Amino acid sequence: MDNCAVINNFTVIPKYSENIVPVIIPRMYPAEEVLLEPFKNNTSPVLVAGSLSVVRNGIAYIRVLNFQPNSVIFKKNLKIANIAFPAAVSSVTAVKKPIRVADEPNEITQKVLDDFIKNIKLQLIKNLVQLKN
């Protein structure tokens, strides 16, 4: 497979951790940026995140998550991700972090609840416990 990214160096991913790992991009790939995606049949012992990375001297970076209770060892030249060519990408959307944190809800008093019940015209049986007996 000529469209695969492979591990650059011997790498150890500690248990329950997330790392950014350098990968080698094939020489035939001429672009300065690369879109890396996990294999469809994930045979890797870690989760691989899709990433858009800059290519410098044939090296890009990919994020991996080791969710196992033991360390994982990657050997050099292990295939870890597919290279998505620009023709295969239909659209890209930037992620925007929210600027403002949601306000904490106000305390709900009995009066607010009673007003709510009146507004939506709910008919509650007040003596439900007595009717059950």
N, C-alpha and C. Protein backbone atom coordinates (compact mmCIF):
# COMPACT_ATOMS: atom_id res chain seq x y z
N MET A 1 0.85 -1.18 0.00
CA MET A 1 0.00 0.00 0.00
C MET A 1 0.89 1.25 0.00
N ASP A 2 0.83 1.98 -1.07
CA ASP A 2 1.64 3.19 -1.19
C ASP A 2 1.00 4.39 -0.52
N ASN A 3 -0.27 4.28 -0.15
CA ASN A 3 -0.94 5.43 0.45
C ASN A 3 -1.09 5.26 1.96
N CYS A 4 -0.09 4.69 2.60
CA CYS A 4 -0.13 4.49 4.06
C CYS A 4 0.97 5.30 4.74
N ALA A 5 0.65 5.75 5.94
CA ALA A 5 1.63 6.38 6.82
C ALA A 5 2.17 5.29 7.74
N VAL A 6 3.49 5.29 7.95
CA VAL A 6 4.10 4.28 8.80
C VAL A 6 4.83 4.96 9.97
N ILE A 7 4.99 4.22 11.05
CA ILE A 7 5.65 4.75 12.25
C ILE A 7 7.10 5.10 11.92
N ASN A 8 7.55 6.25 12.39
CA ASN A 8 8.89 6.74 12.09
C ASN A 8 9.96 6.04 12.93
N ASN A 9 9.76 5.92 14.21
CA ASN A 9 10.74 5.31 15.13
C ASN A 9 10.04 4.35 16.07
N PHE A 10 10.82 3.52 16.72
CA PHE A 10 10.32 2.66 17.79
C PHE A 10 9.64 3.56 18.82
N THR A 11 8.37 3.28 19.14
CA THR A 11 7.60 4.15 20.02
C THR A 11 6.84 3.32 21.06
N VAL A 12 6.86 3.77 22.30
CA VAL A 12 6.10 3.13 23.37
C VAL A 12 4.99 4.09 23.80
N ILE A 13 3.74 3.60 23.78
CA ILE A 13 2.60 4.39 24.23
C ILE A 13 2.20 3.86 25.62
N PRO A 14 2.35 4.65 26.68
CA PRO A 14 2.00 4.18 28.02
C PRO A 14 0.51 3.85 28.13
N LYS A 15 0.18 3.05 29.14
CA LYS A 15 -1.22 2.64 29.34
C LYS A 15 -2.09 3.86 29.62
N TYR A 16 -3.32 3.81 29.13
CA TYR A 16 -4.32 4.86 29.34
C TYR A 16 -3.77 6.26 29.03
N SER A 17 -3.15 6.41 27.89
CA SER A 17 -2.60 7.73 27.55
C SER A 17 -2.86 8.07 26.08
N GLU A 18 -2.67 9.34 25.80
CA GLU A 18 -2.85 9.85 24.45
C GLU A 18 -1.52 10.48 24.03
N ASN A 19 -1.04 10.14 22.84
CA ASN A 19 0.24 10.66 22.36
C ASN A 19 0.12 11.13 20.92
N ILE A 20 1.06 11.98 20.54
CA ILE A 20 1.19 12.38 19.15
C ILE A 20 2.46 11.70 18.63
N VAL A 21 2.28 10.91 17.57
CA VAL A 21 3.35 10.04 17.07
C VAL A 21 3.80 10.51 15.69
N PRO A 22 5.12 10.61 15.45
CA PRO A 22 5.59 10.96 14.11
C PRO A 22 5.45 9.77 13.16
N VAL A 23 4.98 10.05 11.95
CA VAL A 23 4.82 9.02 10.93
C VAL A 23 5.51 9.46 9.64
N ILE A 24 5.95 8.48 8.86
CA ILE A 24 6.61 8.74 7.58
C ILE A 24 5.56 8.71 6.48
N ILE A 25 5.58 9.73 5.63
CA ILE A 25 4.69 9.83 4.48
C ILE A 25 5.47 9.36 3.24
N PRO A 26 4.85 8.60 2.34
CA PRO A 26 5.59 8.14 1.15
C PRO A 26 6.17 9.31 0.35
N ARG A 27 7.29 9.08 -0.27
CA ARG A 27 7.98 10.12 -1.04
C ARG A 27 7.15 10.60 -2.23
N MET A 28 6.30 9.75 -2.73
CA MET A 28 5.50 10.13 -3.90
C MET A 28 4.42 11.15 -3.56
N TYR A 29 4.18 11.40 -2.26
CA TYR A 29 3.16 12.36 -1.86
C TYR A 29 3.78 13.76 -1.86
N PRO A 30 3.38 14.63 -2.81
CA PRO A 30 4.08 15.91 -3.00
C PRO A 30 3.58 17.08 -2.15
N ALA A 31 2.47 16.93 -1.46
CA ALA A 31 1.85 18.07 -0.78
C ALA A 31 2.58 18.46 0.50
N GLU A 32 2.29 19.67 0.98
CA GLU A 32 2.87 20.15 2.23
C GLU A 32 2.01 19.79 3.43
N GLU A 33 0.75 19.41 3.19
CA GLU A 33 -0.16 18.97 4.24
C GLU A 33 -0.75 17.63 3.85
N VAL A 34 -1.11 16.86 4.85
CA VAL A 34 -1.66 15.54 4.58
C VAL A 34 -2.84 15.28 5.54
N LEU A 35 -3.85 14.60 5.03
CA LEU A 35 -4.99 14.19 5.83
C LEU A 35 -4.84 12.71 6.13
N LEU A 36 -4.63 12.38 7.38
CA LEU A 36 -4.43 11.00 7.80
C LEU A 36 -5.70 10.48 8.46
N GLU A 37 -6.11 9.28 8.06
CA GLU A 37 -7.31 8.66 8.62
C GLU A 37 -7.00 7.25 9.07
N PRO A 38 -7.70 6.76 10.10
CA PRO A 38 -7.45 5.39 10.56
C PRO A 38 -7.91 4.39 9.50
N PHE A 39 -7.34 3.19 9.54
CA PHE A 39 -7.77 2.13 8.64
C PHE A 39 -9.22 1.77 8.91
N LYS A 40 -9.92 1.34 7.87
CA LYS A 40 -11.33 0.96 8.05
C LYS A 40 -11.46 -0.25 8.96
N ASN A 41 -10.56 -1.21 8.82
CA ASN A 41 -10.54 -2.37 9.72
C ASN A 41 -9.44 -2.13 10.74
N ASN A 42 -9.77 -1.50 11.83
CA ASN A 42 -8.77 -1.07 12.81
C ASN A 42 -8.11 -2.29 13.45
N THR A 43 -6.93 -2.64 12.95
CA THR A 43 -6.18 -3.77 13.50
C THR A 43 -5.16 -3.32 14.53
N SER A 44 -5.04 -2.03 14.72
CA SER A 44 -4.08 -1.49 15.67
C SER A 44 -4.59 -1.65 17.10
N PRO A 45 -3.69 -1.87 18.06
CA PRO A 45 -4.12 -2.01 19.46
C PRO A 45 -4.48 -0.68 20.12
N VAL A 46 -4.40 0.42 19.38
CA VAL A 46 -4.75 1.75 19.89
C VAL A 46 -5.78 2.37 18.97
N LEU A 47 -6.43 3.43 19.45
CA LEU A 47 -7.35 4.18 18.60
C LEU A 47 -6.56 5.28 17.90
N VAL A 48 -6.77 5.39 16.61
CA VAL A 48 -6.06 6.38 15.80
C VAL A 48 -7.05 7.46 15.40
N ALA A 49 -6.71 8.72 15.63
CA ALA A 49 -7.59 9.83 15.30
C ALA A 49 -7.23 10.34 13.91
N GLY A 50 -8.25 10.70 13.15
CA GLY A 50 -8.01 11.36 11.88
C GLY A 50 -7.38 12.71 12.14
N SER A 51 -6.43 13.11 11.30
CA SER A 51 -5.76 14.38 11.57
C SER A 51 -5.28 15.03 10.28
N LEU A 52 -5.22 16.33 10.33
CA LEU A 52 -4.64 17.13 9.26
C LEU A 52 -3.29 17.60 9.77
N SER A 53 -2.23 17.23 9.07
CA SER A 53 -0.89 17.50 9.58
C SER A 53 -0.02 18.13 8.50
N VAL A 54 0.93 18.93 8.93
CA VAL A 54 1.93 19.52 8.03
C VAL A 54 3.02 18.48 7.80
N VAL A 55 3.49 18.38 6.55
CA VAL A 55 4.56 17.44 6.21
C VAL A 55 5.87 18.21 6.13
N ARG A 56 6.84 17.79 6.93
CA ARG A 56 8.18 18.39 6.89
C ARG A 56 9.20 17.26 6.76
N ASN A 57 9.97 17.30 5.68
CA ASN A 57 10.98 16.26 5.40
C ASN A 57 10.37 14.86 5.40
N GLY A 58 9.15 14.75 4.88
CA GLY A 58 8.49 13.45 4.77
C GLY A 58 7.91 12.94 6.07
N ILE A 59 7.85 13.78 7.11
CA ILE A 59 7.33 13.37 8.43
C ILE A 59 6.07 14.19 8.74
N ALA A 60 5.02 13.49 9.18
CA ALA A 60 3.80 14.12 9.65
C ALA A 60 3.52 13.57 11.05
N TYR A 61 2.44 14.02 11.67
CA TYR A 61 2.12 13.58 13.03
C TYR A 61 0.68 13.14 13.11
N ILE A 62 0.45 12.11 13.93
CA ILE A 62 -0.90 11.58 14.12
C ILE A 62 -1.13 11.35 15.61
N ARG A 63 -2.36 11.52 16.05
CA ARG A 63 -2.71 11.34 17.47
C ARG A 63 -3.26 9.94 17.68
N VAL A 64 -2.77 9.27 18.72
CA VAL A 64 -3.24 7.93 19.07
C VAL A 64 -3.64 7.89 20.54
N LEU A 65 -4.58 7.02 20.86
CA LEU A 65 -5.06 6.84 22.23
C LEU A 65 -4.92 5.39 22.62
N ASN A 66 -4.16 5.13 23.67
CA ASN A 66 -4.03 3.78 24.21
C ASN A 66 -5.04 3.64 25.34
N PHE A 67 -6.09 2.88 25.10
CA PHE A 67 -7.15 2.70 26.08
C PHE A 67 -6.98 1.41 26.87
N GLN A 68 -5.87 0.72 26.67
CA GLN A 68 -5.64 -0.57 27.31
C GLN A 68 -4.91 -0.41 28.65
N PRO A 69 -5.01 -1.42 29.52
CA PRO A 69 -4.34 -1.34 30.83
C PRO A 69 -2.86 -1.70 30.77
N ASN A 70 -2.29 -1.81 29.56
CA ASN A 70 -0.86 -2.07 29.43
C ASN A 70 -0.27 -1.20 28.32
N SER A 71 1.03 -1.02 28.34
CA SER A 71 1.69 -0.21 27.33
C SER A 71 1.67 -0.91 25.98
N VAL A 72 1.70 -0.11 24.91
CA VAL A 72 1.71 -0.64 23.55
C VAL A 72 3.01 -0.19 22.89
N ILE A 73 3.65 -1.12 22.18
CA ILE A 73 4.91 -0.82 21.51
C ILE A 73 4.69 -0.83 20.01
N PHE A 74 5.08 0.28 19.35
CA PHE A 74 5.03 0.37 17.89
C PHE A 74 6.44 0.18 17.36
N LYS A 75 6.59 -0.74 16.42
CA LYS A 75 7.88 -0.93 15.77
C LYS A 75 8.00 0.02 14.59
N LYS A 76 9.20 0.33 14.21
CA LYS A 76 9.45 1.21 13.07
C LYS A 76 8.85 0.57 11.81
N ASN A 77 8.27 1.40 10.96
CA ASN A 77 7.66 1.02 9.68
C ASN A 77 6.34 0.25 9.83
N LEU A 78 5.71 0.30 10.98
CA LEU A 78 4.38 -0.29 11.15
C LEU A 78 3.36 0.63 10.49
N LYS A 79 2.49 0.07 9.65
CA LYS A 79 1.46 0.87 8.99
C LYS A 79 0.40 1.24 10.02
N ILE A 80 0.09 2.54 10.08
CA ILE A 80 -0.84 3.00 11.13
C ILE A 80 -2.03 3.77 10.59
N ALA A 81 -1.90 4.39 9.40
CA ALA A 81 -3.00 5.22 8.90
C ALA A 81 -2.99 5.29 7.38
N ASN A 82 -4.16 5.60 6.83
CA ASN A 82 -4.31 5.85 5.39
C ASN A 82 -4.11 7.32 5.10
N ILE A 83 -3.61 7.60 3.92
CA ILE A 83 -3.52 8.98 3.46
C ILE A 83 -4.73 9.24 2.58
N ALA A 84 -5.51 10.24 2.95
CA ALA A 84 -6.67 10.62 2.15
C ALA A 84 -6.22 11.69 1.16
N PHE A 85 -6.36 11.43 -0.12
CA PHE A 85 -5.95 12.39 -1.13
C PHE A 85 -7.00 13.48 -1.27
N PRO A 86 -6.61 14.68 -1.69
CA PRO A 86 -7.55 15.81 -1.77
C PRO A 86 -8.81 15.53 -2.58
N ALA A 87 -8.73 14.69 -3.59
CA ALA A 87 -9.90 14.39 -4.41
C ALA A 87 -10.96 13.62 -3.62
N ALA A 88 -10.56 12.95 -2.54
CA ALA A 88 -11.49 12.15 -1.74
C ALA A 88 -12.20 12.97 -0.67
N VAL A 89 -11.80 14.22 -0.49
CA VAL A 89 -12.38 15.07 0.56
C VAL A 89 -13.47 15.94 -0.06
N SER A 90 -14.69 15.82 0.47
CA SER A 90 -15.79 16.63 -0.08
C SER A 90 -15.91 17.98 0.61
N SER A 91 -15.64 18.04 1.91
CA SER A 91 -15.69 19.33 2.61
C SER A 91 -14.91 19.23 3.92
N VAL A 92 -14.48 20.40 4.38
CA VAL A 92 -13.76 20.49 5.65
C VAL A 92 -14.39 21.62 6.45
N THR A 93 -14.65 21.38 7.73
CA THR A 93 -15.26 22.38 8.59
C THR A 93 -14.34 22.64 9.78
N ALA A 94 -14.09 23.89 10.04
CA ALA A 94 -13.24 24.25 11.18
C ALA A 94 -14.02 24.07 12.48
N VAL A 95 -13.34 23.64 13.52
CA VAL A 95 -13.95 23.48 14.83
C VAL A 95 -13.81 24.80 15.57
N LYS A 96 -14.91 25.28 16.14
CA LYS A 96 -14.89 26.52 16.90
C LYS A 96 -15.25 26.22 18.34
N LYS A 97 -14.40 26.64 19.24
CA LYS A 97 -14.68 26.45 20.66
C LYS A 97 -15.61 27.55 21.12
N PRO A 98 -16.54 27.23 22.01
CA PRO A 98 -17.45 28.26 22.51
C PRO A 98 -16.69 29.31 23.32
N ILE A 99 -17.05 30.56 23.12
CA ILE A 99 -16.39 31.67 23.81
C ILE A 99 -16.89 31.79 25.23
N ARG A 100 -18.17 31.58 25.42
CA ARG A 100 -18.81 31.81 26.71
C ARG A 100 -19.26 30.48 27.30
N VAL A 101 -19.10 30.34 28.58
CA VAL A 101 -19.56 29.15 29.29
C VAL A 101 -21.04 29.36 29.62
N ALA A 102 -21.82 28.30 29.51
CA ALA A 102 -23.25 28.39 29.81
C ALA A 102 -23.47 28.82 31.25
N ASP A 103 -24.47 29.67 31.44
CA ASP A 103 -24.79 30.14 32.78
C ASP A 103 -25.36 28.99 33.61
N GLU A 104 -25.08 29.05 34.89
CA GLU A 104 -25.64 28.04 35.78
C GLU A 104 -27.13 28.31 35.94
N PRO A 105 -27.94 27.26 35.99
CA PRO A 105 -29.38 27.48 36.12
C PRO A 105 -29.73 28.11 37.46
N ASN A 106 -30.74 28.95 37.44
CA ASN A 106 -31.20 29.58 38.67
C ASN A 106 -31.90 28.55 39.54
N GLU A 107 -31.98 28.85 40.83
CA GLU A 107 -32.68 27.95 41.73
C GLU A 107 -34.16 27.96 41.41
N ILE A 108 -34.74 26.79 41.40
CA ILE A 108 -36.17 26.68 41.12
C ILE A 108 -36.91 26.61 42.45
N THR A 109 -37.77 27.59 42.65
CA THR A 109 -38.55 27.64 43.89
C THR A 109 -39.92 27.02 43.65
N GLN A 110 -40.63 26.81 44.73
CA GLN A 110 -41.98 26.25 44.64
C GLN A 110 -42.90 27.19 43.87
N LYS A 111 -42.70 28.49 44.04
CA LYS A 111 -43.52 29.48 43.33
C LYS A 111 -43.32 29.38 41.82
N VAL A 112 -42.08 29.20 41.39
CA VAL A 112 -41.78 29.06 39.96
C VAL A 112 -42.44 27.80 39.41
N LEU A 113 -42.40 26.72 40.18
CA LEU A 113 -43.05 25.48 39.74
C LEU A 113 -44.56 25.64 39.66
N ASP A 114 -45.16 26.31 40.65
CA ASP A 114 -46.61 26.53 40.62
C ASP A 114 -47.02 27.38 39.43
N ASP A 115 -46.24 28.42 39.14
CA ASP A 115 -46.52 29.26 37.97
C ASP A 115 -46.41 28.45 36.67
N PHE A 116 -45.42 27.57 36.63
CA PHE A 116 -45.24 26.73 35.45
C PHE A 116 -46.45 25.82 35.24
N ILE A 117 -46.92 25.23 36.30
CA ILE A 117 -48.09 24.34 36.23
C ILE A 117 -49.31 25.12 35.75
N LYS A 118 -49.50 26.34 36.26
CA LYS A 118 -50.64 27.16 35.83
C LYS A 118 -50.53 27.53 34.36
N ASN A 119 -49.33 27.85 33.93
CA ASN A 119 -49.13 28.28 32.54
C ASN A 119 -49.40 27.16 31.54
N ILE A 120 -49.01 25.94 31.86
CA ILE A 120 -49.25 24.87 30.90
C ILE A 120 -50.53 24.08 31.22
N LYS A 121 -51.23 24.52 32.24
CA LYS A 121 -52.54 23.99 32.61
C LYS A 121 -52.50 22.48 32.86
N LEU A 122 -51.54 22.06 33.66
CA LEU A 122 -51.48 20.66 34.07
C LEU A 122 -52.46 20.43 35.20
N GLN A 123 -53.05 19.28 35.18
CA GLN A 123 -53.94 18.93 36.27
C GLN A 123 -53.31 17.78 37.03
N LEU A 124 -52.79 18.11 38.19
CA LEU A 124 -52.13 17.11 39.02
C LEU A 124 -53.05 16.70 40.15
N ILE A 125 -52.97 15.44 40.48
CA ILE A 125 -53.74 14.95 41.61
C ILE A 125 -52.87 15.13 42.85
N LYS A 126 -53.31 16.03 43.74
CA LYS A 126 -52.50 16.36 44.91
C LYS A 126 -52.47 15.23 45.92
N ASN A 127 -53.52 14.49 46.02
CA ASN A 127 -53.61 13.44 47.02
C ASN A 127 -53.39 12.08 46.39
N LEU A 128 -52.40 11.96 45.54
CA LEU A 128 -52.13 10.71 44.84
C LEU A 128 -51.78 9.58 45.80
N VAL A 129 -51.09 9.89 46.85
CA VAL A 129 -50.70 8.87 47.83
C VAL A 129 -51.95 8.31 48.53
N GLN A 130 -52.91 9.17 48.85
CA GLN A 130 -54.14 8.72 49.51
C GLN A 130 -54.97 7.87 48.56
N LEU A 131 -55.01 8.20 47.29
CA LEU A 131 -55.79 7.42 46.34
C LEU A 131 -55.19 6.04 46.12
N LYS A 132 -53.89 5.95 46.21
CA LYS A 132 -53.22 4.68 46.01
C LYS A 132 -53.57 3.68 47.10
N ASN A 133 -53.74 4.17 48.31
CA ASN A 133 -54.05 3.30 49.45
C ASN A 133 -55.46 2.93 49.37
